[in-house]
């Protein structure tokens, strides 16, 4: 996966995805680049329109929480408090930050 991540990083930065650039990116990330995998990755991505592929790709659904109702049961409606509606963007971002360590 790190080879694809490095390729996507190069693409996002506007750099050409070449073996040399891919090796440099992997090395900068602390990954020992395998020449065969670098070559395979660059060859595989040679004719791929990355922007089009990203646009066409759907995002996978989030996993269901362990306490969720089964699919055949209707979820119970919960009353929302006025305080819950006022959650700030900073609070939401702080909660998301916990997902990534």
N, C-alpha and C. Protein backbone atom coordinates (compact mmCIF):
# COMPACT_ATOMS: atom_id res chain seq x y z
N UNK A 1 0.81 -1.19 0.00
CA UNK A 1 0.00 0.00 0.00
C UNK A 1 0.85 1.26 0.00
N UNK A 2 2.02 1.18 0.65
CA UNK A 2 2.82 2.40 0.70
C UNK A 2 3.26 2.88 -0.68
N UNK A 3 3.39 1.96 -1.62
CA UNK A 3 3.78 2.33 -2.98
C UNK A 3 2.66 3.13 -3.65
N UNK A 4 1.42 2.72 -3.43
CA UNK A 4 0.29 3.46 -3.99
C UNK A 4 0.13 4.80 -3.28
N UNK A 5 0.33 4.81 -1.97
CA UNK A 5 0.24 6.07 -1.24
C UNK A 5 1.28 7.06 -1.75
N UNK A 6 2.49 6.57 -1.96
CA UNK A 6 3.55 7.44 -2.47
C UNK A 6 3.20 7.96 -3.86
N UNK A 7 2.63 7.10 -4.70
CA UNK A 7 2.23 7.52 -6.04
C UNK A 7 1.13 8.57 -5.97
N UNK A 8 0.17 8.38 -5.07
CA UNK A 8 -0.91 9.37 -4.92
C UNK A 8 -0.37 10.69 -4.39
N UNK A 9 0.60 10.62 -3.49
CA UNK A 9 1.22 11.84 -2.98
C UNK A 9 1.92 12.59 -4.10
N UNK A 10 2.66 11.87 -4.92
CA UNK A 10 3.33 12.50 -6.06
C UNK A 10 2.31 13.14 -6.99
N UNK A 11 1.23 12.43 -7.27
CA UNK A 11 0.18 12.95 -8.15
C UNK A 11 -0.42 14.22 -7.57
N UNK A 12 -0.75 14.19 -6.28
CA UNK A 12 -1.36 15.35 -5.62
C UNK A 12 -0.42 16.56 -5.63
N UNK A 13 0.89 16.29 -5.56
CA UNK A 13 1.88 17.37 -5.56
C UNK A 13 2.20 17.86 -6.97
N UNK A 14 1.60 17.21 -7.98
CA UNK A 14 1.83 17.65 -9.36
C UNK A 14 3.12 17.11 -9.95
N UNK A 15 3.70 16.11 -9.31
CA UNK A 15 4.94 15.52 -9.79
C UNK A 15 4.63 14.31 -10.67
N UNK A 16 5.54 14.04 -11.59
CA UNK A 16 5.38 12.88 -12.45
C UNK A 16 5.72 11.62 -11.64
N UNK A 17 4.93 10.56 -11.86
CA UNK A 17 5.16 9.31 -11.14
C UNK A 17 6.18 8.49 -11.92
N UNK A 18 7.43 8.65 -11.52
CA UNK A 18 8.53 7.91 -12.14
C UNK A 18 9.16 7.02 -11.08
N UNK A 19 9.98 6.09 -11.53
CA UNK A 19 10.66 5.20 -10.58
C UNK A 19 11.52 6.00 -9.62
N UNK A 20 12.24 6.98 -10.14
CA UNK A 20 13.12 7.79 -9.30
C UNK A 20 12.32 8.58 -8.26
N UNK A 21 11.23 9.23 -8.69
CA UNK A 21 10.42 10.01 -7.76
C UNK A 21 9.74 9.12 -6.72
N UNK A 22 9.29 7.96 -7.15
CA UNK A 22 8.64 7.03 -6.23
C UNK A 22 9.62 6.54 -5.18
N UNK A 23 10.86 6.21 -5.60
CA UNK A 23 11.89 5.77 -4.66
C UNK A 23 12.21 6.87 -3.65
N UNK A 24 12.34 8.10 -4.13
CA UNK A 24 12.65 9.22 -3.24
C UNK A 24 11.54 9.43 -2.22
N UNK A 25 10.30 9.33 -2.66
CA UNK A 25 9.16 9.53 -1.76
C UNK A 25 9.11 8.43 -0.71
N UNK A 26 9.30 7.20 -1.13
CA UNK A 26 9.29 6.08 -0.19
C UNK A 26 10.42 6.20 0.82
N UNK A 27 11.60 6.55 0.34
CA UNK A 27 12.76 6.71 1.22
C UNK A 27 12.53 7.83 2.23
N UNK A 28 11.93 8.93 1.78
CA UNK A 28 11.65 10.04 2.68
C UNK A 28 10.65 9.65 3.76
N UNK A 29 9.79 8.67 3.45
CA UNK A 29 8.80 8.21 4.42
C UNK A 29 9.35 7.10 5.31
N UNK A 30 10.61 6.72 5.09
CA UNK A 30 11.22 5.70 5.92
C UNK A 30 10.96 4.28 5.45
N UNK A 31 10.56 4.12 4.19
CA UNK A 31 10.28 2.80 3.63
C UNK A 31 11.45 2.40 2.73
N UNK A 32 11.94 1.18 2.91
CA UNK A 32 13.00 0.69 2.04
C UNK A 32 12.35 0.27 0.72
N UNK A 33 12.67 0.99 -0.35
CA UNK A 33 12.04 0.76 -1.64
C UNK A 33 12.59 -0.50 -2.31
N UNK A 34 11.69 -1.36 -2.74
CA UNK A 34 12.03 -2.56 -3.49
C UNK A 34 11.94 -2.21 -4.97
N UNK A 35 13.05 -2.34 -5.70
CA UNK A 35 13.11 -1.94 -7.10
C UNK A 35 12.03 -2.60 -7.95
N UNK A 36 11.76 -3.88 -7.72
CA UNK A 36 10.77 -4.60 -8.52
C UNK A 36 9.36 -4.03 -8.27
N UNK A 37 9.06 -3.74 -7.02
CA UNK A 37 7.74 -3.19 -6.70
C UNK A 37 7.59 -1.76 -7.21
N UNK A 38 8.68 -1.00 -7.16
CA UNK A 38 8.64 0.36 -7.68
C UNK A 38 8.36 0.33 -9.18
N UNK A 39 9.08 -0.54 -9.89
CA UNK A 39 8.89 -0.66 -11.33
C UNK A 39 7.47 -1.14 -11.66
N UNK A 40 6.97 -2.12 -10.91
CA UNK A 40 5.62 -2.64 -11.15
C UNK A 40 4.57 -1.56 -10.91
N UNK A 41 4.76 -0.76 -9.86
CA UNK A 41 3.80 0.30 -9.55
C UNK A 41 3.78 1.36 -10.62
N UNK A 42 4.96 1.82 -11.05
CA UNK A 42 5.00 2.85 -12.08
C UNK A 42 4.46 2.34 -13.40
N UNK A 43 4.74 1.08 -13.73
CA UNK A 43 4.23 0.50 -14.97
C UNK A 43 2.71 0.37 -14.91
N UNK A 44 2.19 -0.07 -13.78
CA UNK A 44 0.75 -0.25 -13.63
C UNK A 44 0.00 1.08 -13.70
N UNK A 45 0.61 2.14 -13.21
CA UNK A 45 -0.06 3.45 -13.19
C UNK A 45 0.23 4.29 -14.43
N UNK A 46 1.02 3.75 -15.35
CA UNK A 46 1.45 4.50 -16.52
C UNK A 46 0.28 5.04 -17.35
N UNK A 47 -0.72 4.22 -17.60
CA UNK A 47 -1.84 4.62 -18.45
C UNK A 47 -3.12 4.90 -17.67
N UNK A 48 -3.01 5.10 -16.37
CA UNK A 48 -4.19 5.32 -15.53
C UNK A 48 -4.41 6.81 -15.34
N UNK A 49 -5.66 7.25 -15.56
CA UNK A 49 -6.04 8.63 -15.26
C UNK A 49 -6.46 8.66 -13.80
N UNK A 50 -5.54 9.07 -12.94
CA UNK A 50 -5.76 8.99 -11.49
C UNK A 50 -6.93 9.86 -11.05
N UNK A 51 -7.04 11.09 -11.59
CA UNK A 51 -8.15 11.96 -11.21
C UNK A 51 -9.49 11.32 -11.56
N UNK A 52 -9.60 10.73 -12.73
CA UNK A 52 -10.84 10.08 -13.15
C UNK A 52 -11.14 8.87 -12.26
N UNK A 53 -10.12 8.09 -11.95
CA UNK A 53 -10.30 6.92 -11.11
C UNK A 53 -10.77 7.31 -9.71
N UNK A 54 -10.20 8.35 -9.16
CA UNK A 54 -10.61 8.82 -7.83
C UNK A 54 -12.05 9.32 -7.87
N UNK A 55 -12.41 10.04 -8.92
CA UNK A 55 -13.77 10.57 -9.03
C UNK A 55 -14.81 9.46 -9.16
N UNK A 56 -14.44 8.37 -9.82
CA UNK A 56 -15.38 7.27 -10.04
C UNK A 56 -15.45 6.30 -8.87
N UNK A 57 -14.48 6.35 -7.99
CA UNK A 57 -14.43 5.41 -6.87
C UNK A 57 -15.42 5.83 -5.80
N UNK A 58 -16.16 4.87 -5.29
CA UNK A 58 -17.10 5.16 -4.22
C UNK A 58 -16.41 4.91 -2.89
N UNK A 59 -16.83 5.62 -1.88
CA UNK A 59 -16.28 5.47 -0.54
C UNK A 59 -17.02 4.33 0.15
N UNK A 60 -16.28 3.45 0.79
CA UNK A 60 -16.89 2.33 1.50
C UNK A 60 -17.70 2.84 2.69
N UNK A 61 -18.78 2.15 2.99
CA UNK A 61 -19.61 2.52 4.13
C UNK A 61 -18.87 2.25 5.43
N UNK A 62 -19.15 3.06 6.42
CA UNK A 62 -18.52 2.88 7.73
C UNK A 62 -19.04 1.60 8.36
N UNK A 63 -18.18 0.90 9.12
CA UNK A 63 -18.64 -0.32 9.77
C UNK A 63 -19.73 -0.03 10.79
N UNK A 64 -20.62 -0.98 10.98
CA UNK A 64 -21.73 -0.82 11.92
C UNK A 64 -21.21 -0.98 13.35
N UNK A 65 -21.66 -0.10 14.23
CA UNK A 65 -21.26 -0.17 15.63
C UNK A 65 -21.84 -1.43 16.27
N UNK A 66 -21.17 -1.95 17.27
CA UNK A 66 -21.58 -3.20 17.89
C UNK A 66 -22.94 -3.10 18.58
N UNK A 67 -23.36 -1.93 18.99
CA UNK A 67 -24.63 -1.77 19.68
C UNK A 67 -25.76 -1.39 18.75
N UNK A 68 -25.54 -1.43 17.45
CA UNK A 68 -26.55 -1.01 16.48
C UNK A 68 -27.64 -2.06 16.35
N UNK A 69 -28.81 -1.62 15.94
CA UNK A 69 -29.94 -2.53 15.74
C UNK A 69 -29.71 -3.37 14.50
N UNK A 70 -30.19 -4.60 14.48
CA UNK A 70 -30.06 -5.44 13.29
C UNK A 70 -30.75 -4.79 12.09
N UNK A 71 -30.37 -5.18 10.89
CA UNK A 71 -30.88 -4.57 9.67
C UNK A 71 -32.38 -4.70 9.53
N UNK A 72 -33.00 -5.76 10.08
CA UNK A 72 -34.43 -5.94 9.91
C UNK A 72 -35.26 -5.18 10.95
N UNK A 73 -34.63 -4.56 11.93
CA UNK A 73 -35.34 -3.76 12.93
C UNK A 73 -35.18 -2.29 12.60
N UNK A 74 -36.25 -1.56 12.81
CA UNK A 74 -36.19 -0.11 12.60
C UNK A 74 -35.46 0.52 13.77
N UNK A 75 -34.56 1.45 13.51
CA UNK A 75 -33.84 2.09 14.61
C UNK A 75 -34.80 2.96 15.44
N UNK A 76 -34.55 3.00 16.73
CA UNK A 76 -35.37 3.81 17.62
C UNK A 76 -34.98 5.26 17.46
N UNK A 77 -36.00 6.12 17.48
CA UNK A 77 -35.74 7.55 17.37
C UNK A 77 -35.31 8.08 18.73
N UNK A 78 -34.26 8.88 18.71
CA UNK A 78 -33.79 9.50 19.93
C UNK A 78 -34.07 10.98 19.86
N UNK A 79 -34.45 11.54 20.99
CA UNK A 79 -34.69 12.97 21.03
C UNK A 79 -33.35 13.67 21.19
N UNK A 80 -33.16 14.67 20.34
CA UNK A 80 -31.91 15.43 20.41
C UNK A 80 -32.10 16.63 21.32
N UNK A 81 -31.08 16.91 22.07
CA UNK A 81 -31.10 18.06 22.95
C UNK A 81 -30.63 19.28 22.18
N UNK A 82 -31.01 20.44 22.64
CA UNK A 82 -30.59 21.69 22.01
C UNK A 82 -29.07 21.82 22.02
N UNK A 83 -28.41 21.31 23.06
CA UNK A 83 -26.96 21.43 23.17
C UNK A 83 -26.25 20.67 22.06
N UNK A 84 -26.79 19.52 21.65
CA UNK A 84 -26.15 18.70 20.63
C UNK A 84 -26.10 19.42 19.28
N UNK A 85 -27.09 20.26 19.01
CA UNK A 85 -27.12 20.97 17.73
C UNK A 85 -26.03 22.03 17.65
N UNK A 86 -25.54 22.50 18.76
CA UNK A 86 -24.58 23.58 18.78
C UNK A 86 -23.13 23.13 18.79
N UNK A 87 -22.86 21.90 18.45
CA UNK A 87 -21.47 21.42 18.45
C UNK A 87 -20.66 22.22 17.44
N UNK A 88 -19.51 22.69 17.87
CA UNK A 88 -18.70 23.51 17.00
C UNK A 88 -17.85 22.66 16.05
N UNK A 89 -17.36 23.29 15.04
CA UNK A 89 -16.50 22.62 14.06
C UNK A 89 -15.22 22.14 14.73
N UNK A 90 -14.71 22.93 15.67
CA UNK A 90 -13.48 22.56 16.37
C UNK A 90 -13.68 21.29 17.20
N UNK A 91 -14.84 21.16 17.85
CA UNK A 91 -15.12 19.97 18.64
C UNK A 91 -15.23 18.74 17.74
N UNK A 92 -15.87 18.91 16.60
CA UNK A 92 -16.01 17.79 15.67
C UNK A 92 -14.65 17.37 15.13
N UNK A 93 -13.82 18.34 14.79
CA UNK A 93 -12.48 18.02 14.27
C UNK A 93 -11.62 17.35 15.34
N UNK A 94 -11.78 17.77 16.58
CA UNK A 94 -11.01 17.14 17.67
C UNK A 94 -11.40 15.68 17.83
N UNK A 95 -12.68 15.38 17.67
CA UNK A 95 -13.14 14.01 17.75
C UNK A 95 -12.60 13.16 16.61
N UNK A 96 -12.53 13.72 15.42
CA UNK A 96 -11.97 13.00 14.28
C UNK A 96 -10.48 12.77 14.44
N UNK A 97 -9.79 13.70 15.08
CA UNK A 97 -8.36 13.55 15.29
C UNK A 97 -8.02 12.33 16.13
N UNK A 98 -8.92 11.92 17.00
CA UNK A 98 -8.67 10.76 17.84
C UNK A 98 -8.62 9.47 17.02
N UNK A 99 -9.25 9.47 15.87
CA UNK A 99 -9.23 8.28 15.00
C UNK A 99 -7.84 8.00 14.44
N UNK A 100 -7.05 9.03 14.28
CA UNK A 100 -5.76 8.90 13.61
C UNK A 100 -4.58 8.96 14.56
N UNK A 101 -4.83 8.91 15.82
CA UNK A 101 -3.76 8.86 16.82
C UNK A 101 -3.24 10.16 17.08
